[in-house]
Amino acid sequence: MPSTKKKARTSRPLSLATVNTDVHSDCCRSSALILGRAYQSASALLVAYELARDQRGGRRGMTTDQEQDLLRAMLVMATAGLDSMSKQLIRDSLPVLISCSDQAQNSFERFIARKLGDDKVSRDRVAANKFLARILSKPSPQIQLVEEYIFDLTKGSLQSSESLFQVAGALGVDPPTAGIDPTVLSPIFSIRNSIVHELDINLDAQRRNRHVRSQTSMISNTNRILLVSAGILHCVDSEARAERA
């Protein structure tokens, strides 16, 4: 009688969603490279996580602290890529977009008005006068204004829903088109902040003193960050291509 021994079931390897980094405009190429490297690093950490699980024969059940750290690092790498890519995109593409995007131009004008104290929030005339003197003393005031704007946009972290809306406005990007949804992104950034600033410590837990992150949610969150990054990149690339045409 022929053997009916069942073959061992093998599960599919874990992987992140495919991220398209192909761009056509020169001002987006460096940002696309940064996003590609972030994707590669996050993917490598996911591979390391899976190898760690395989080596201990524990694809099911509670993850170890070391495995949790690999999942945390994967998400942090993705958010770092978003931050770095967005800043590079601002540096390289903003001068182009201000000349071709009404939304980018309007955001630029609001920045200038705010720096000059033309709103209810900023009334510091000394700072406004210093800003105006700095601009007017340059050979090309408009170029200097753009440089001031770029510095203002990139001086802090761009790893929050609020900062992404600011980036979108500056670059003339429609937030929903790029996948910027605060109801989805804000909890992810909250997890990132807990990891980076608090070591993901949870002193109220009974068994483990760090938050336990599920494999499924961490992969999903990492995918979301990478896809939003790609969404911003391709929106800017499309706008820049239209200007070149």
C-alpha atoms as a PDB file:
ATOM      1  CA  MET A   1       0.000   0.000   0.000  1.00  0.00           C
ATOM      2  CA  PRO A   2       1.551   3.338  -0.997  1.00  0.00           C
ATOM      3  CA  SER A   3       2.634   5.713   1.766  1.00  0.00           C
ATOM      4  CA  THR A   4       0.210   8.503   2.581  1.00  0.00           C
ATOM      5  CA  LYS A   5       2.666  10.471   4.735  1.00  0.00           C
ATOM      6  CA  LYS A   6       1.797  14.149   4.622  1.00  0.00           C
ATOM      7  CA  LYS A   7       4.390  16.676   3.605  1.00  0.00           C
ATOM      8  CA  ALA A   8       5.411  19.193   6.211  1.00  0.00           C
ATOM      9  CA  ARG A   9       3.465  22.390   5.832  1.00  0.00           C
ATOM     10  CA  THR A  10       5.659  25.416   5.152  1.00  0.00           C
ATOM     11  CA  SER A  11       4.419  28.926   5.756  1.00  0.00           C
ATOM     12  CA  ARG A  12       5.106  31.746   3.353  1.00  0.00           C
ATOM     13  CA  PRO A  13       7.950  34.048   4.353  1.00  0.00           C
ATOM     14  CA  LEU A  14       6.963  37.381   5.805  1.00  0.00           C
ATOM     15  CA  SER A  15       7.402  40.432   3.607  1.00  0.00           C
ATOM     16  CA  LEU A  16       6.495  44.092   3.412  1.00  0.00           C
ATOM     17  CA  ALA A  17       4.247  45.543   0.748  1.00  0.00           C
ATOM     18  CA  THR A  18       6.009  46.494  -2.468  1.00  0.00           C
ATOM     19  CA  VAL A  19       6.939  50.175  -2.578  1.00  0.00           C
ATOM     20  CA  ASN A  20       7.362  51.885  -5.941  1.00  0.00           C
ATOM     21  CA  THR A  21      10.325  54.290  -5.925  1.00  0.00           C
ATOM     22  CA  ASP A  22      10.425  54.974  -9.679  1.00  0.00           C
ATOM     23  CA  VAL A  23      10.382  58.717 -10.381  1.00  0.00           C
ATOM     24  CA  HIS A  24      10.875  60.822 -13.511  1.00  0.00           C
ATOM     25  CA  SER A  25      11.751  64.288 -12.216  1.00  0.00           C
ATOM     26  CA  ASP A  26      15.291  65.144 -11.156  1.00  0.00           C
ATOM     27  CA  CYS A  27      14.136  66.910  -7.997  1.00  0.00           C
ATOM     28  CA  CYS A  28      12.679  63.631  -6.666  1.00  0.00           C
ATOM     29  CA  ARG A  29      15.557  61.250  -7.378  1.00  0.00           C
ATOM     30  CA  SER A  30      17.459  61.696  -4.104  1.00  0.00           C
ATOM     31  CA  SER A  31      14.237  61.342  -2.113  1.00  0.00           C
ATOM     32  CA  ALA A  32      13.370  58.163  -4.022  1.00  0.00           C
ATOM     33  CA  LEU A  33      16.810  56.782  -3.154  1.00  0.00           C
ATOM     34  CA  ILE A  34      16.253  57.514   0.531  1.00  0.00           C
ATOM     35  CA  LEU A  35      12.860  55.805   0.491  1.00  0.00           C
ATOM     36  CA  GLY A  36      14.359  52.794  -1.265  1.00  0.00           C
ATOM     37  CA  ARG A  37      17.061  52.447   1.395  1.00  0.00           C
ATOM     38  CA  ALA A  38      14.490  52.781   4.185  1.00  0.00           C
ATOM     39  CA  TYR A  39      12.409  50.044   2.583  1.00  0.00           C
ATOM     40  CA  GLN A  40      15.459  47.771   2.262  1.00  0.00           C
ATOM     41  CA  SER A  41      16.433  48.313   5.896  1.00  0.00           C
ATOM     42  CA  ALA A  42      12.913  47.685   7.197  1.00  0.00           C
ATOM     43  CA  SER A  43      12.659  44.555   5.042  1.00  0.00           C
ATOM     44  CA  ALA A  44      16.021  43.284   6.335  1.00  0.00           C
ATOM     45  CA  LEU A  45      14.824  43.700   9.921  1.00  0.00           C
ATOM     46  CA  LEU A  46      11.685  41.729   9.118  1.00  0.00           C
ATOM     47  CA  VAL A  47      13.849  38.947   7.639  1.00  0.00           C
ATOM     48  CA  ALA A  48      16.001  38.989  10.795  1.00  0.00           C
ATOM     49  CA  TYR A  49      12.853  38.725  12.900  1.00  0.00           C
ATOM     50  CA  GLU A  50      11.644  35.710  10.943  1.00  0.00           C
ATOM     51  CA  LEU A  51      15.058  34.023  11.153  1.00  0.00           C
ATOM     52  CA  ALA A  52      15.094  34.543  14.907  1.00  0.00           C
ATOM     53  CA  ARG A  53      11.677  32.915  15.165  1.00  0.00           C
ATOM     54  CA  ASP A  54      12.734  29.976  12.994  1.00  0.00           C
ATOM     55  CA  GLN A  55      15.964  29.359  14.892  1.00  0.00           C
ATOM     56  CA  ARG A  56      14.136  28.838  18.165  1.00  0.00           C
ATOM     57  CA  GLY A  57      11.325  26.925  16.466  1.00  0.00           C
ATOM     58  CA  GLY A  58       8.781  29.373  17.711  1.00  0.00           C
ATOM     59  CA  ARG A  59       6.773  30.740  14.831  1.00  0.00           C
ATOM     60  CA  ARG A  60       3.752  30.563  17.093  1.00  0.00           C
ATOM     61  CA  GLY A  61       3.298  31.747  20.634  1.00  0.00           C
ATOM     62  CA  MET A  62       4.740  34.684  22.539  1.00  0.00           C
ATOM     63  CA  THR A  63       7.607  36.542  20.889  1.00  0.00           C
ATOM     64  CA  THR A  64      10.844  37.041  22.806  1.00  0.00           C
ATOM     65  CA  ASP A  65      12.174  40.438  23.859  1.00  0.00           C
ATOM     66  CA  GLN A  66      14.805  40.236  21.125  1.00  0.00           C
ATOM     67  CA  GLU A  67      12.164  39.496  18.500  1.00  0.00           C
ATOM     68  CA  GLN A  68      10.052  42.386  19.764  1.00  0.00           C
ATOM     69  CA  ASP A  69      13.052  44.692  19.368  1.00  0.00           C
ATOM     70  CA  LEU A  70      13.387  43.684  15.717  1.00  0.00           C
ATOM     71  CA  LEU A  71       9.741  44.552  15.100  1.00  0.00           C
ATOM     72  CA  ARG A  72      10.221  47.874  16.887  1.00  0.00           C
ATOM     73  CA  ALA A  73      13.352  48.648  14.862  1.00  0.00           C
ATOM     74  CA  MET A  74      11.497  47.874  11.634  1.00  0.00           C
ATOM     75  CA  LEU A  75       8.825  50.489  12.361  1.00  0.00           C
ATOM     76  CA  VAL A  76      11.361  53.059  13.560  1.00  0.00           C
ATOM     77  CA  MET A  77      13.382  52.599  10.374  1.00  0.00           C
ATOM     78  CA  ALA A  78      10.292  53.210   8.247  1.00  0.00           C
ATOM     79  CA  THR A  79       9.371  56.402  10.113  1.00  0.00           C
ATOM     80  CA  ALA A  80      12.981  57.605   9.930  1.00  0.00           C
ATOM     81  CA  GLY A  81      12.812  57.044   6.185  1.00  0.00           C
ATOM     82  CA  LEU A  82       9.640  59.122   5.985  1.00  0.00           C
ATOM     83  CA  ASP A  83      11.310  61.938   7.912  1.00  0.00           C
ATOM     84  CA  SER A  84      14.511  61.910   5.855  1.00  0.00           C
ATOM     85  CA  MET A  85      12.725  61.530   2.519  1.00  0.00           C
ATOM     86  CA  SER A  86      10.275  64.352   3.253  1.00  0.00           C
ATOM     87  CA  LYS A  87      13.050  66.751   4.227  1.00  0.00           C
ATOM     88  CA  GLN A  88      15.049  65.926   1.108  1.00  0.00           C
ATOM     89  CA  LEU A  89      11.933  66.341  -1.002  1.00  0.00           C
ATOM     90  CA  ILE A  90      11.376  69.784   0.488  1.00  0.00           C
ATOM     91  CA  ARG A  91      14.977  70.833  -0.165  1.00  0.00           C
ATOM     92  CA  ASP A  92      15.041  69.608  -3.752  1.00  0.00           C
ATOM     93  CA  SER A  93      11.530  70.197  -5.056  1.00  0.00           C
ATOM     94  CA  LEU A  94      10.177  73.229  -3.217  1.00  0.00           C
ATOM     95  CA  PRO A  95      11.845  75.816  -5.501  1.00  0.00           C
ATOM     96  CA  VAL A  96      10.240  74.059  -8.477  1.00  0.00           C
ATOM     97  CA  LEU A  97       6.812  73.618  -6.905  1.00  0.00           C
ATOM     98  CA  ILE A  98       6.474  77.223  -5.730  1.00  0.00           C
ATOM     99  CA  SER A  99       6.587  78.294  -9.362  1.00  0.00           C
ATOM    100  CA  CYS A 100       4.013  75.778 -10.633  1.00  0.00           C
ATOM    101  CA  SER A 101       1.646  74.859  -7.794  1.00  0.00           C
ATOM    102  CA  ASP A 102      -0.961  77.340  -6.552  1.00  0.00           C
ATOM    103  CA  GLN A 103      -1.201  75.496  -3.234  1.00  0.00           C
ATOM    104  CA  ALA A 104       2.574  75.544  -2.738  1.00  0.00           C
ATOM    105  CA  GLN A 105       2.663  79.230  -3.655  1.00  0.00           C
ATOM    106  CA  ASN A 106      -0.129  80.041  -1.176  1.00  0.00           C
ATOM    107  CA  SER A 107       1.647  78.173   1.608  1.00  0.00           C
ATOM    108  CA  PHE A 108       4.835  80.069   0.818  1.00  0.00           C
ATOM    109  CA  GLU A 109       2.990  83.402   0.983  1.00  0.00           C
ATOM    110  CA  ARG A 110       1.464  82.480   4.354  1.00  0.00           C
ATOM    111  CA  PHE A 111       4.931  81.668   5.685  1.00  0.00           C
ATOM    112  CA  ILE A 112       6.246  85.080   4.592  1.00  0.00           C
ATOM    113  CA  ALA A 113       3.232  86.863   6.121  1.00  0.00           C
ATOM    114  CA  ARG A 114       3.718  84.989   9.393  1.00  0.00           C
ATOM    115  CA  LYS A 115       7.416  85.850   9.542  1.00  0.00           C
ATOM    116  CA  LEU A 116       6.571  89.502   8.951  1.00  0.00           C
ATOM    117  CA  GLY A 117       4.098  89.428  11.824  1.00  0.00           C
ATOM    118  CA  ASP A 118       0.984  89.763   9.668  1.00  0.00           C
ATOM    119  CA  ASP A 119      -1.244  87.526  11.798  1.00  0.00           C
ATOM    120  CA  LYS A 120      -2.773  87.311  15.261  1.00  0.00           C
ATOM    121  CA  VAL A 121      -0.131  84.930  16.573  1.00  0.00           C
ATOM    122  CA  SER A 122       3.139  86.603  15.633  1.00  0.00           C
ATOM    123  CA  ARG A 123       3.424  90.216  16.813  1.00  0.00           C
ATOM    124  CA  ASP A 124       7.150  90.384  17.542  1.00  0.00           C
ATOM    125  CA  ARG A 125       8.178  93.367  15.427  1.00  0.00           C
ATOM    126  CA  VAL A 126      11.851  93.035  16.357  1.00  0.00           C
ATOM    127  CA  ALA A 127      12.000  89.491  14.995  1.00  0.00           C
ATOM    128  CA  ALA A 128       9.978  90.518  11.936  1.00  0.00           C
ATOM    129  CA  ASN A 129      12.280  93.440  11.207  1.00  0.00           C
ATOM    130  CA  LYS A 130      15.374  91.262  11.578  1.00  0.00           C
ATOM    131  CA  PHE A 131      13.849  88.753   9.185  1.00  0.00           C
ATOM    132  CA  LEU A 132      13.062  91.460   6.636  1.00  0.00           C
ATOM    133  CA  ALA A 133      16.549  92.973   6.947  1.00  0.00           C
ATOM    134  CA  ARG A 134      18.139  89.544   6.449  1.00  0.00           C
ATOM    135  CA  ILE A 135      16.125  88.962   3.291  1.00  0.00           C
ATOM    136  CA  LEU A 136      16.637  92.392   1.759  1.00  0.00           C
ATOM    137  CA  SER A 137      20.379  92.315   2.419  1.00  0.00           C
ATOM    138  CA  LYS A 138      20.835  89.311   0.134  1.00  0.00           C
ATOM    139  CA  PRO A 139      21.631  89.626  -3.603  1.00  0.00           C
ATOM    140  CA  SER A 140      18.545  87.541  -4.406  1.00  0.00           C
ATOM    141  CA  PRO A 141      15.780  88.072  -1.812  1.00  0.00           C
ATOM    142  CA  GLN A 142      13.425  85.472  -3.314  1.00  0.00           C
ATOM    143  CA  ILE A 143      16.071  82.747  -3.200  1.00  0.00           C
ATOM    144  CA  GLN A 144      16.807  83.704   0.396  1.00  0.00           C
ATOM    145  CA  LEU A 145      13.106  83.557   1.247  1.00  0.00           C
ATOM    146  CA  VAL A 146      12.857  80.042  -0.156  1.00  0.00           C
ATOM    147  CA  GLU A 147      15.913  78.991   1.847  1.00  0.00           C
ATOM    148  CA  GLU A 148      14.345  80.423   5.011  1.00  0.00           C
ATOM    149  CA  TYR A 149      11.146  78.527   4.227  1.00  0.00           C
ATOM    150  CA  ILE A 150      13.010  75.272   3.669  1.00  0.00           C
ATOM    151  CA  PHE A 151      14.861  75.684   6.967  1.00  0.00           C
ATOM    152  CA  ASP A 152      11.591  76.381   8.797  1.00  0.00           C
ATOM    153  CA  LEU A 153       9.966  73.254   7.349  1.00  0.00           C
ATOM    154  CA  THR A 154      12.899  70.907   7.982  1.00  0.00           C
ATOM    155  CA  LYS A 155      14.220  72.102  11.351  1.00  0.00           C
ATOM    156  CA  GLY A 156      12.123  69.648  13.354  1.00  0.00           C
ATOM    157  CA  SER A 157      10.891  66.083  13.120  1.00  0.00           C
ATOM    158  CA  LEU A 158       8.406  65.268  10.377  1.00  0.00           C
ATOM    159  CA  GLN A 159       7.089  62.194  12.143  1.00  0.00           C
ATOM    160  CA  SER A 160       3.579  63.242  13.119  1.00  0.00           C
ATOM    161  CA  SER A 161       0.250  63.690  11.363  1.00  0.00           C
ATOM    162  CA  GLU A 162       0.391  67.447  11.922  1.00  0.00           C
ATOM    163  CA  SER A 163       3.833  67.777  10.360  1.00  0.00           C
ATOM    164  CA  LEU A 164       2.776  65.681   7.361  1.00  0.00           C
ATOM    165  CA  PHE A 165      -0.153  68.013   6.716  1.00  0.00           C
ATOM    166  CA  GLN A 166       2.306  70.906   6.834  1.00  0.00           C
ATOM    167  CA  VAL A 167       4.594  69.115   4.387  1.00  0.00           C
ATOM    168  CA  ALA A 168       1.652  68.348   2.111  1.00  0.00           C
ATOM    169  CA  GLY A 169       0.597  71.999   2.092  1.00  0.00           C
ATOM    170  CA  ALA A 170       4.102  73.213   1.362  1.00  0.00           C
ATOM    171  CA  LEU A 171       4.553  70.750  -1.496  1.00  0.00           C
ATOM    172  CA  GLY A 172       1.086  71.204  -2.969  1.00  0.00           C
ATOM    173  CA  VAL A 173       0.128  67.602  -2.171  1.00  0.00           C
ATOM    174  CA  ASP A 174      -3.490  66.569  -1.611  1.00  0.00           C
ATOM    175  CA  PRO A 175      -3.359  64.641   1.729  1.00  0.00           C
ATOM    176  CA  PRO A 176      -5.967  61.953   0.882  1.00  0.00           C
ATOM    177  CA  THR A 177      -4.289  61.276  -2.463  1.00  0.00           C
ATOM    178  CA  ALA A 178      -0.988  60.667  -0.668  1.00  0.00           C
ATOM    179  CA  GLY A 179      -2.675  58.494   1.969  1.00  0.00           C
ATOM    180  CA  ILE A 180      -2.275  60.997   4.820  1.00  0.00           C
ATOM    181  CA  ASP A 181      -5.068  60.013   7.213  1.00  0.00           C
ATOM    182  CA  PRO A 182      -4.561  61.213  10.813  1.00  0.00           C
ATOM    183  CA  THR A 183      -6.988  58.651  12.227  1.00  0.00           C
ATOM    184  CA  VAL A 184      -4.662  55.928  10.933  1.00  0.00           C
ATOM    185  CA  LEU A 185      -1.261  57.604  11.220  1.00  0.00           C
ATOM    186  CA  SER A 186      -1.519  59.240  14.649  1.00  0.00           C
ATOM    187  CA  PRO A 187      -1.663  55.898  16.552  1.00  0.00           C
ATOM    188  CA  ILE A 188       1.338  54.659  14.542  1.00  0.00           C
ATOM    189  CA  PHE A 189       3.371  57.745  15.388  1.00  0.00           C
ATOM    190  CA  SER A 190       2.329  57.308  19.019  1.00  0.00           C
ATOM    191  CA  ILE A 191       3.821  53.790  18.976  1.00  0.00           C
ATOM    192  CA  ARG A 192       6.972  55.127  17.318  1.00  0.00           C
ATOM    193  CA  ASN A 193       7.325  57.803  19.999  1.00  0.00           C
ATOM    194  CA  SER A 194       6.842  55.266  22.773  1.00  0.00           C
ATOM    195  CA  ILE A 195       9.638  53.155  21.282  1.00  0.00           C
ATOM    196  CA  VAL A 196      12.084  55.988  20.600  1.00  0.00           C
ATOM    197  CA  HIS A 197      11.482  58.183  23.638  1.00  0.00           C
ATOM    198  CA  GLU A 198      10.350  55.701  26.301  1.00  0.00           C
ATOM    199  CA  LEU A 199      11.926  52.383  25.170  1.00  0.00           C
ATOM    200  CA  ASP A 200       8.340  51.118  24.870  1.00  0.00           C
ATOM    201  CA  ILE A 201       8.279  50.729  28.659  1.00  0.00           C
ATOM    202  CA  ASN A 202       4.971  49.762  30.259  1.00  0.00           C
ATOM    203  CA  LEU A 203       5.400  49.691  34.042  1.00  0.00           C
ATOM    204  CA  ASP A 204       1.774  48.689  34.555  1.00  0.00           C
ATOM    205  CA  ALA A 205       2.200  45.352  32.792  1.00  0.00           C
ATOM    206  CA  GLN A 206       2.159  42.290  35.067  1.00  0.00           C
ATOM    207  CA  ARG A 207       4.353  39.878  33.117  1.00  0.00           C
ATOM    208  CA  ARG A 208       6.587  42.041  30.916  1.00  0.00           C
ATOM    209  CA  ASN A 209       7.577  45.635  31.513  1.00  0.00           C
ATOM    210  CA  ARG A 210       7.461  46.668  27.855  1.00  0.00           C
ATOM    211  CA  HIS A 211       4.538  46.913  25.479  1.00  0.00           C
ATOM    212  CA  VAL A 212       4.122  43.693  23.492  1.00  0.00           C
ATOM    213  CA  ARG A 213       3.575  44.519  19.818  1.00  0.00           C
ATOM    214  CA  SER A 214       1.916  41.997  17.564  1.00  0.00           C
ATOM    215  CA  GLN A 215       3.689  40.858  14.422  1.00  0.00           C
ATOM    216  CA  THR A 216       0.625  41.578  12.293  1.00  0.00           C
ATOM    217  CA  SER A 217       0.098  45.125  13.549  1.00  0.00           C
ATOM    218  CA  MET A 218       3.777  46.089  13.323  1.00  0.00           C
ATOM    219  CA  ILE A 219       4.029  44.867   9.735  1.00  0.00           C
ATOM    220  CA  SER A 220       0.786  46.670   8.881  1.00  0.00           C
ATOM    221  CA  ASN A 221       1.992  49.897  10.527  1.00  0.00           C
ATOM    222  CA  THR A 222       5.347  49.720   8.759  1.00  0.00           C
ATOM    223  CA  ASN A 223       3.602  49.170   5.434  1.00  0.00           C
ATOM    224  CA  ARG A 224       1.370  52.174   6.049  1.00  0.00           C
ATOM    225  CA  ILE A 225       4.318  54.486   6.738  1.00  0.00           C
ATOM    226  CA  LEU A 226       6.233  53.285   3.684  1.00  0.00           C
ATOM    227  CA  LEU A 227       3.198  53.608   1.408  1.00  0.00           C
ATOM    228  CA  VAL A 228       2.423  57.122   2.672  1.00  0.00           C
ATOM    229  CA  SER A 229       6.047  58.033   1.967  1.00  0.00           C
ATOM    230  CA  ALA A 230       5.686  56.718  -1.558  1.00  0.00           C
ATOM    231  CA  GLY A 231       2.365  58.556  -1.933  1.00  0.00           C
ATOM    232  CA  ILE A 232       3.950  61.901  -1.064  1.00  0.00           C
ATOM    233  CA  LEU A 233       6.904  61.196  -3.345  1.00  0.00           C
ATOM    234  CA  HIS A 234       4.767  60.358  -6.383  1.00  0.00           C
ATOM    235  CA  CYS A 235       2.407  63.295  -5.877  1.00  0.00           C
ATOM    236  CA  VAL A 236       5.391  65.649  -5.990  1.00  0.00           C
ATOM    237  CA  ASP A 237       6.933  63.782  -8.915  1.00  0.00           C
ATOM    238  CA  SER A 238       3.682  64.122 -10.869  1.00  0.00           C
ATOM    239  CA  GLU A 239       3.503  67.877 -10.178  1.00  0.00           C
ATOM    240  CA  ALA A 240       7.148  68.395 -11.098  1.00  0.00           C
ATOM    241  CA  ARG A 241       6.739  66.392 -14.304  1.00  0.00           C
ATOM    242  CA  ALA A 242       3.761  68.543 -15.286  1.00  0.00           C
ATOM    243  CA  GLU A 243       5.875  71.679 -14.813  1.00  0.00           C
ATOM    244  CA  ARG A 244       8.693  70.255 -16.922  1.00  0.00           C
ATOM    245  CA  ALA A 245       6.250  69.347 -19.699  1.00  0.00           C
END
